[in-house]
Amino acid sequence: MRRGRPAATVVVTDRAILIVGRGRVQRLLRDFWFGKPTGLYHMVELDRTYKVHRQWYSEITLADEALRDMQARGNPPESDQR
């Protein structure tokens, strides 16, 4: 039996972080660093705290690397939707 809130899907693009779940979509700026994941679950604080299972750690690392690369090129994520 599952307790608590249902799982959400977090989508990370070059321009935004989208949180999809509970019948809604929330858009956050893409200037967030997820940090180095450790342990069985990595805690991510966005609109609330999310527990990310270790099976998704490579995606967390790739998202941070993509943000680092964009900033190194002088191309920070845009905050405006197109």
PDB file of N, CA and C in Angstrom:
ATOM      1  N   MET A   1       0.838  -1.179   0.000  1.00  0.00           N
ATOM      2  CA  MET A   1       0.000   0.000   0.000  1.00  0.00           C
ATOM      3  C   MET A   1       0.882   1.240   0.000  1.00  0.00           C
ATOM      4  N   ARG A   2       0.574   2.162  -0.847  1.00  0.00           N
ATOM      5  CA  ARG A   2       1.325   3.395  -0.962  1.00  0.00           C
ATOM      6  C   ARG A   2       0.680   4.470  -0.100  1.00  0.00           C
ATOM      7  N   ARG A   3       1.515   5.176   0.632  1.00  0.00           N
ATOM      8  CA  ARG A   3       0.998   6.250   1.485  1.00  0.00           C
ATOM      9  C   ARG A   3       1.544   7.586   1.029  1.00  0.00           C
ATOM     10  N   GLY A   4       0.919   8.659   1.444  1.00  0.00           N
ATOM     11  CA  GLY A   4       1.406   9.993   1.109  1.00  0.00           C
ATOM     12  C   GLY A   4       0.937  10.440  -0.262  1.00  0.00           C
ATOM     13  N   ARG A   5       1.636  11.416  -0.782  1.00  0.00           N
ATOM     14  CA  ARG A   5       1.276  11.987  -2.079  1.00  0.00           C
ATOM     15  C   ARG A   5       1.633  11.043  -3.209  1.00  0.00           C
ATOM     16  N   PRO A   6       0.846  11.072  -4.270  1.00  0.00           N
ATOM     17  CA  PRO A   6       1.200  10.263  -5.436  1.00  0.00           C
ATOM     18  C   PRO A   6       2.464  10.811  -6.087  1.00  0.00           C
ATOM     19  N   ALA A   7       3.149   9.954  -6.799  1.00  0.00           N
ATOM     20  CA  ALA A   7       4.385  10.370  -7.455  1.00  0.00           C
ATOM     21  C   ALA A   7       4.107  11.420  -8.514  1.00  0.00           C
ATOM     22  N   ALA A   8       5.071  12.289  -8.690  1.00  0.00           N
ATOM     23  CA  ALA A   8       5.002  13.301  -9.737  1.00  0.00           C
ATOM     24  C   ALA A   8       6.088  13.000 -10.751  1.00  0.00           C
ATOM     25  N   THR A   9       5.906  13.511 -11.942  1.00  0.00           N
ATOM     26  CA  THR A   9       6.932  13.406 -12.973  1.00  0.00           C
ATOM     27  C   THR A   9       7.583  14.766 -13.104  1.00  0.00           C
ATOM     28  N   VAL A  10       8.905  14.779 -13.034  1.00  0.00           N
ATOM     29  CA  VAL A  10       9.654  16.023 -13.174  1.00  0.00           C
ATOM     30  C   VAL A  10      10.371  15.965 -14.514  1.00  0.00           C
ATOM     31  N   VAL A  11      10.119  16.978 -15.350  1.00  0.00           N
ATOM     32  CA  VAL A  11      10.721  17.074 -16.672  1.00  0.00           C
ATOM     33  C   VAL A  11      11.655  18.273 -16.668  1.00  0.00           C
ATOM     34  N   VAL A  12      12.910  18.038 -17.037  1.00  0.00           N
ATOM     35  CA  VAL A  12      13.895  19.114 -17.057  1.00  0.00           C
ATOM     36  C   VAL A  12      14.267  19.401 -18.504  1.00  0.00           C
ATOM     37  N   THR A  13      14.063  20.652 -18.924  1.00  0.00           N
ATOM     38  CA  THR A  13      14.439  21.079 -20.272  1.00  0.00           C
ATOM     39  C   THR A  13      15.534  22.133 -20.150  1.00  0.00           C
ATOM     40  N   ASP A  14      15.979  22.656 -21.284  1.00  0.00           N
ATOM     41  CA  ASP A  14      16.991  23.704 -21.243  1.00  0.00           C
ATOM     42  C   ASP A  14      16.414  25.036 -20.776  1.00  0.00           C
ATOM     43  N   ARG A  15      15.103  25.157 -20.712  1.00  0.00           N
ATOM     44  CA  ARG A  15      14.473  26.421 -20.332  1.00  0.00           C
ATOM     45  C   ARG A  15      13.677  26.373 -19.034  1.00  0.00           C
ATOM     46  N   ALA A  16      13.282  25.184 -18.591  1.00  0.00           N
ATOM     47  CA  ALA A  16      12.403  25.122 -17.425  1.00  0.00           C
ATOM     48  C   ALA A  16      12.447  23.745 -16.770  1.00  0.00           C
ATOM     49  N   ILE A  17      11.901  23.708 -15.563  1.00  0.00           N
ATOM     50  CA  ILE A  17      11.625  22.456 -14.867  1.00  0.00           C
ATOM     51  C   ILE A  17      10.108  22.369 -14.780  1.00  0.00           C
ATOM     52  N   LEU A  18       9.556  21.287 -15.293  1.00  0.00           N
ATOM     53  CA  LEU A  18       8.112  21.083 -15.255  1.00  0.00           C
ATOM     54  C   LEU A  18       7.799  19.973 -14.266  1.00  0.00           C
ATOM     55  N   ILE A  19       6.832  20.219 -13.412  1.00  0.00           N
ATOM     56  CA  ILE A  19       6.375  19.212 -12.460  1.00  0.00           C
ATOM     57  C   ILE A  19       4.957  18.842 -12.876  1.00  0.00           C
ATOM     58  N   VAL A  20       4.776  17.582 -13.263  1.00  0.00           N
ATOM     59  CA  VAL A  20       3.496  17.102 -13.765  1.00  0.00           C
ATOM     60  C   VAL A  20       2.944  16.092 -12.766  1.00  0.00           C
ATOM     61  N   GLY A  21       1.757  16.348 -12.277  1.00  0.00           N
ATOM     62  CA  GLY A  21       1.138  15.412 -11.349  1.00  0.00           C
ATOM     63  C   GLY A  21      -0.084  16.016 -10.702  1.00  0.00           C
ATOM     64  N   ARG A  22      -0.914  15.142 -10.195  1.00  0.00           N
ATOM     65  CA  ARG A  22      -2.136  15.549  -9.500  1.00  0.00           C
ATOM     66  C   ARG A  22      -3.012  16.461 -10.353  1.00  0.00           C
ATOM     67  N   GLY A  23      -3.034  16.179 -11.661  1.00  0.00           N
ATOM     68  CA  GLY A  23      -3.911  16.917 -12.550  1.00  0.00           C
ATOM     69  C   GLY A  23      -3.455  18.326 -12.885  1.00  0.00           C
ATOM     70  N   ARG A  24      -2.179  18.633 -12.663  1.00  0.00           N
ATOM     71  CA  ARG A  24      -1.705  19.980 -12.977  1.00  0.00           C
ATOM     72  C   ARG A  24      -0.255  19.933 -13.443  1.00  0.00           C
ATOM     73  N   VAL A  25       0.174  21.032 -14.036  1.00  0.00           N
ATOM     74  CA  VAL A  25       1.554  21.189 -14.475  1.00  0.00           C
ATOM     75  C   VAL A  25       2.063  22.488 -13.880  1.00  0.00           C
ATOM     76  N   GLN A  26       3.225  22.425 -13.270  1.00  0.00           N
ATOM     77  CA  GLN A  26       3.838  23.623 -12.702  1.00  0.00           C
ATOM     78  C   GLN A  26       5.173  23.858 -13.400  1.00  0.00           C
ATOM     79  N   ARG A  27       5.448  25.110 -13.752  1.00  0.00           N
ATOM     80  CA  ARG A  27       6.696  25.460 -14.440  1.00  0.00           C
ATOM     81  C   ARG A  27       7.577  26.270 -13.503  1.00  0.00           C
ATOM     82  N   LEU A  28       8.832  25.820 -13.350  1.00  0.00           N
ATOM     83  CA  LEU A  28       9.812  26.530 -12.535  1.00  0.00           C
ATOM     84  C   LEU A  28      10.986  26.935 -13.409  1.00  0.00           C
ATOM     85  N   LEU A  29      11.711  27.963 -12.999  1.00  0.00           N
ATOM     86  CA  LEU A  29      12.882  28.400 -13.738  1.00  0.00           C
ATOM     87  C   LEU A  29      13.940  27.307 -13.772  1.00  0.00           C
ATOM     88  N   ARG A  30      14.736  27.286 -14.819  1.00  0.00           N
ATOM     89  CA  ARG A  30      15.763  26.254 -14.990  1.00  0.00           C
ATOM     90  C   ARG A  30      17.118  26.718 -14.452  1.00  0.00           C
ATOM     91  N   ASP A  31      17.135  27.463 -13.372  1.00  0.00           N
ATOM     92  CA  ASP A  31      18.387  27.874 -12.763  1.00  0.00           C
ATOM     93  C   ASP A  31      18.667  27.082 -11.485  1.00  0.00           C
ATOM     94  N   PHE A  32      18.036  25.944 -11.353  1.00  0.00           N
ATOM     95  CA  PHE A  32      18.128  25.111 -10.154  1.00  0.00           C
ATOM     96  C   PHE A  32      19.192  24.029 -10.327  1.00  0.00           C
ATOM     97  N   TRP A  33      20.039  23.866  -9.317  1.00  0.00           N
ATOM     98  CA  TRP A  33      21.043  22.791  -9.287  1.00  0.00           C
ATOM     99  C   TRP A  33      20.499  21.666  -8.414  1.00  0.00           C
ATOM    100  N   PHE A  34      20.486  20.451  -8.945  1.00  0.00           N
ATOM    101  CA  PHE A  34      19.981  19.298  -8.202  1.00  0.00           C
ATOM    102  C   PHE A  34      20.987  18.781  -7.188  1.00  0.00           C
ATOM    103  N   GLY A  35      22.274  18.997  -7.437  1.00  0.00           N
ATOM    104  CA  GLY A  35      23.310  18.555  -6.504  1.00  0.00           C
ATOM    105  C   GLY A  35      23.709  17.110  -6.739  1.00  0.00           C
ATOM    106  N   LYS A  36      24.777  16.703  -6.071  1.00  0.00           N
ATOM    107  CA  LYS A  36      25.282  15.344  -6.230  1.00  0.00           C
ATOM    108  C   LYS A  36      24.412  14.371  -5.434  1.00  0.00           C
ATOM    109  N   PRO A  37      23.766  13.444  -6.127  1.00  0.00           N
ATOM    110  CA  PRO A  37      22.890  12.496  -5.426  1.00  0.00           C
ATOM    111  C   PRO A  37      23.691  11.453  -4.654  1.00  0.00           C
ATOM    112  N   THR A  38      23.200  11.110  -3.478  1.00  0.00           N
ATOM    113  CA  THR A  38      23.821  10.083  -2.642  1.00  0.00           C
ATOM    114  C   THR A  38      22.733   9.262  -1.961  1.00  0.00           C
ATOM    115  N   GLY A  39      23.104   8.084  -1.490  1.00  0.00           N
ATOM    116  CA  GLY A  39      22.174   7.239  -0.753  1.00  0.00           C
ATOM    117  C   GLY A  39      21.134   6.584  -1.651  1.00  0.00           C
ATOM    118  N   LEU A  40      20.151   5.986  -1.031  1.00  0.00           N
ATOM    119  CA  LEU A  40      19.079   5.329  -1.781  1.00  0.00           C
ATOM    120  C   LEU A  40      18.141   6.351  -2.420  1.00  0.00           C
ATOM    121  N   TYR A  41      17.880   7.453  -1.702  1.00  0.00           N
ATOM    122  CA  TYR A  41      17.024   8.530  -2.206  1.00  0.00           C
ATOM    123  C   TYR A  41      17.746   9.859  -2.056  1.00  0.00           C
ATOM    124  N   HIS A  42      17.642  10.693  -3.086  1.00  0.00           N
ATOM    125  CA  HIS A  42      18.198  12.047  -3.045  1.00  0.00           C
ATOM    126  C   HIS A  42      17.026  13.002  -2.858  1.00  0.00           C
ATOM    127  N   MET A  43      17.135  13.882  -1.887  1.00  0.00           N
ATOM    128  CA  MET A  43      16.061  14.845  -1.627  1.00  0.00           C
ATOM    129  C   MET A  43      16.258  16.083  -2.495  1.00  0.00           C
ATOM    130  N   VAL A  44      15.206  16.474  -3.206  1.00  0.00           N
ATOM    131  CA  VAL A  44      15.230  17.655  -4.058  1.00  0.00           C
ATOM    132  C   VAL A  44      14.122  18.580  -3.574  1.00  0.00           C
ATOM    133  N   GLU A  45      14.471  19.817  -3.277  1.00  0.00           N
ATOM    134  CA  GLU A  45      13.509  20.793  -2.770  1.00  0.00           C
ATOM    135  C   GLU A  45      13.120  21.739  -3.897  1.00  0.00           C
ATOM    136  N   LEU A  46      11.942  21.533  -4.461  1.00  0.00           N
ATOM    137  CA  LEU A  46      11.420  22.411  -5.512  1.00  0.00           C
ATOM    138  C   LEU A  46      10.225  23.149  -4.922  1.00  0.00           C
ATOM    139  N   ASP A  47       9.030  22.870  -5.395  1.00  0.00           N
ATOM    140  CA  ASP A  47       7.833  23.447  -4.785  1.00  0.00           C
ATOM    141  C   ASP A  47       7.512  22.733  -3.481  1.00  0.00           C
ATOM    142  N   ARG A  48       8.063  21.561  -3.314  1.00  0.00           N
ATOM    143  CA  ARG A  48       8.023  20.766  -2.085  1.00  0.00           C
ATOM    144  C   ARG A  48       9.213  19.816  -2.162  1.00  0.00           C
ATOM    145  N   THR A  49       9.376  18.966  -1.174  1.00  0.00           N
ATOM    146  CA  THR A  49      10.500  18.034  -1.173  1.00  0.00           C
ATOM    147  C   THR A  49      10.120  16.772  -1.939  1.00  0.00           C
ATOM    148  N   TYR A  50      10.984  16.397  -2.894  1.00  0.00           N
ATOM    149  CA  TYR A  50      10.801  15.179  -3.673  1.00  0.00           C
ATOM    150  C   TYR A  50      11.920  14.210  -3.325  1.00  0.00           C
ATOM    151  N   LYS A  51      11.572  12.947  -3.194  1.00  0.00           N
ATOM    152  CA  LYS A  51      12.562  11.900  -2.998  1.00  0.00           C
ATOM    153  C   LYS A  51      12.804  11.233  -4.344  1.00  0.00           C
ATOM    154  N   VAL A  52      14.062  11.279  -4.816  1.00  0.00           N
ATOM    155  CA  VAL A  52      14.413  10.723  -6.118  1.00  0.00           C
ATOM    156  C   VAL A  52      15.197   9.438  -5.882  1.00  0.00           C
ATOM    157  N   HIS A  53      14.699   8.335  -6.390  1.00  0.00           N
ATOM    158  CA  HIS A  53      15.343   7.038  -6.219  1.00  0.00           C
ATOM    159  C   HIS A  53      16.646   6.979  -7.007  1.00  0.00           C
ATOM    160  N   ARG A  54      17.580   6.199  -6.520  1.00  0.00           N
ATOM    161  CA  ARG A  54      18.905   6.122  -7.136  1.00  0.00           C
ATOM    162  C   ARG A  54      18.883   5.685  -8.600  1.00  0.00           C
ATOM    163  N   GLN A  55      17.828   5.018  -9.051  1.00  0.00           N
ATOM    164  CA  GLN A  55      17.775   4.620 -10.460  1.00  0.00           C
ATOM    165  C   GLN A  55      17.764   5.830 -11.389  1.00  0.00           C
ATOM    166  N   TRP A  56      17.439   7.032 -10.864  1.00  0.00           N
ATOM    167  CA  TRP A  56      17.371   8.245 -11.666  1.00  0.00           C
ATOM    168  C   TRP A  56      18.570   9.160 -11.440  1.00  0.00           C
ATOM    169  N   TYR A  57      19.589   8.708 -10.728  1.00  0.00           N
ATOM    170  CA  TYR A  57      20.747   9.548 -10.415  1.00  0.00           C
ATOM    171  C   TYR A  57      21.506   9.994 -11.661  1.00  0.00           C
ATOM    172  N   SER A  58      21.589   9.152 -12.670  1.00  0.00           N
ATOM    173  CA  SER A  58      22.308   9.559 -13.885  1.00  0.00           C
ATOM    174  C   SER A  58      21.585  10.728 -14.560  1.00  0.00           C
ATOM    175  N   GLU A  59      20.255  10.772 -14.510  1.00  0.00           N
ATOM    176  CA  GLU A  59      19.505  11.871 -15.097  1.00  0.00           C
ATOM    177  C   GLU A  59      19.713  13.161 -14.306  1.00  0.00           C
ATOM    178  N   ILE A  60      19.800  13.059 -12.994  1.00  0.00           N
ATOM    179  CA  ILE A  60      20.071  14.235 -12.163  1.00  0.00           C
ATOM    180  C   ILE A  60      21.444  14.808 -12.520  1.00  0.00           C
ATOM    181  N   THR A  61      22.425  13.937 -12.638  1.00  0.00           N
ATOM    182  CA  THR A  61      23.780  14.371 -12.981  1.00  0.00           C
ATOM    183  C   THR A  61      23.809  15.020 -14.363  1.00  0.00           C
ATOM    184  N   LEU A  62      23.115  14.420 -15.336  1.00  0.00           N
ATOM    185  CA  LEU A  62      23.064  14.991 -16.682  1.00  0.00           C
ATOM    186  C   LEU A  62      22.380  16.357 -16.704  1.00  0.00           C
ATOM    187  N   ALA A  63      21.347  16.531 -15.913  1.00  0.00           N
ATOM    188  CA  ALA A  63      20.647  17.822 -15.861  1.00  0.00           C
ATOM    189  C   ALA A  63      21.575  18.910 -15.325  1.00  0.00           C
ATOM    190  N   ASP A  64      22.332  18.605 -14.276  1.00  0.00           N
ATOM    191  CA  ASP A  64      23.280  19.582 -13.739  1.00  0.00           C
ATOM    192  C   ASP A  64      24.402  19.869 -14.732  1.00  0.00           C
ATOM    193  N   GLU A  65      24.887  18.851 -15.434  1.00  0.00           N
ATOM    194  CA  GLU A  65      25.941  19.043 -16.438  1.00  0.00           C
ATOM    195  C   GLU A  65      25.446  19.923 -17.592  1.00  0.00           C
ATOM    196  N   ALA A  66      24.208  19.727 -18.011  1.00  0.00           N
ATOM    197  CA  ALA A  66      23.644  20.536 -19.094  1.00  0.00           C
ATOM    198  C   ALA A  66      23.550  21.996 -18.669  1.00  0.00           C
ATOM    199  N   LEU A  67      23.130  22.257 -17.441  1.00  0.00           N
ATOM    200  CA  LEU A  67      23.042  23.628 -16.946  1.00  0.00           C
ATOM    201  C   LEU A  67      24.434  24.244 -16.858  1.00  0.00           C
ATOM    202  N   ARG A  68      25.403  23.480 -16.377  1.00  0.00           N
ATOM    203  CA  ARG A  68      26.781  23.967 -16.286  1.00  0.00           C
ATOM    204  C   ARG A  68      27.322  24.323 -17.676  1.00  0.00           C
ATOM    205  N   ASP A  69      27.064  23.457 -18.671  1.00  0.00           N
ATOM    206  CA  ASP A  69      27.515  23.702 -20.040  1.00  0.00           C
ATOM    207  C   ASP A  69      26.870  24.964 -20.628  1.00  0.00           C
ATOM    208  N   MET A  70      25.569  25.144 -20.406  1.00  0.00           N
ATOM    209  CA  MET A  70      24.879  26.329 -20.912  1.00  0.00           C
ATOM    210  C   MET A  70      25.470  27.592 -20.306  1.00  0.00           C
ATOM    211  N   GLN A  71      25.725  27.574 -19.007  1.00  0.00           N
ATOM    212  CA  GLN A  71      26.277  28.749 -18.353  1.00  0.00           C
ATOM    213  C   GLN A  71      27.705  29.013 -18.807  1.00  0.00           C
ATOM    214  N   ALA A  72      28.487  27.966 -19.056  1.00  0.00           N
ATOM    215  CA  ALA A  72      29.866  28.124 -19.520  1.00  0.00           C
ATOM    216  C   ALA A  72      29.901  28.764 -20.914  1.00  0.00           C
ATOM    217  N   ARG A  73      28.899  28.477 -21.733  1.00  0.00           N
ATOM    218  CA  ARG A  73      28.806  29.071 -23.074  1.00  0.00           C
ATOM    219  C   ARG A  73      28.240  30.489 -23.038  1.00  0.00           C
ATOM    220  N   GLY A  74      27.904  30.957 -21.845  1.00  0.00           N
ATOM    221  CA  GLY A  74      27.307  32.281 -21.741  1.00  0.00           C
ATOM    222  C   GLY A  74      25.868  32.307 -22.194  1.00  0.00           C
ATOM    223  N   ASN A  75      25.221  31.155 -22.128  1.00  0.00           N
ATOM    224  CA  ASN A  75      23.849  31.016 -22.581  1.00  0.00           C
ATOM    225  C   ASN A  75      22.981  30.529 -21.430  1.00  0.00           C
ATOM    226  N   PRO A  76      22.725  31.417 -20.437  1.00  0.00           N
ATOM    227  CA  PRO A  76      21.907  30.968 -19.297  1.00  0.00           C
ATOM    228  C   PRO A  76      20.489  30.646 -19.717  1.00  0.00           C
ATOM    229  N   PRO A  77      19.801  29.811 -18.966  1.00  0.00           N
ATOM    230  CA  PRO A  77      18.406  29.492 -19.312  1.00  0.00           C
ATOM    231  C   PRO A  77      17.539  30.740 -19.293  1.00  0.00           C
ATOM    232  N   GLU A  78      16.612  30.795 -20.225  1.00  0.00           N
ATOM    233  CA  GLU A  78      15.705  31.938 -20.294  1.00  0.00           C
ATOM    234  C   GLU A  78      14.532  31.726 -19.352  1.00  0.00           C
ATOM    235  N   SER A  79      14.071  32.814 -18.773  1.00  0.00           N
ATOM    236  CA  SER A  79      12.938  32.701 -17.851  1.00  0.00           C
ATOM    237  C   SER A  79      11.605  32.938 -18.552  1.00  0.00           C
ATOM    238  N   ASP A  80      11.626  33.457 -19.767  1.00  0.00           N
ATOM    239  CA  ASP A  80      10.374  33.735 -20.483  1.00  0.00           C
ATOM    240  C   ASP A  80       9.971  32.562 -21.353  1.00  0.00           C
ATOM    241  N   GLN A  81       8.705  32.265 -21.388  1.00  0.00           N
ATOM    242  CA  GLN A  81       8.197  31.227 -22.270  1.00  0.00           C
ATOM    243  C   GLN A  81       8.115  31.795 -23.674  1.00  0.00           C
ATOM    244  N   ARG A  82       8.356  30.933 -24.662  1.00  0.00           N
ATOM    245  CA  ARG A  82       8.239  31.377 -26.060  1.00  0.00           C
ATOM    246  C   ARG A  82       7.032  30.771 -26.686  1.00  0.00           C
TER     247      ARG A  82
END
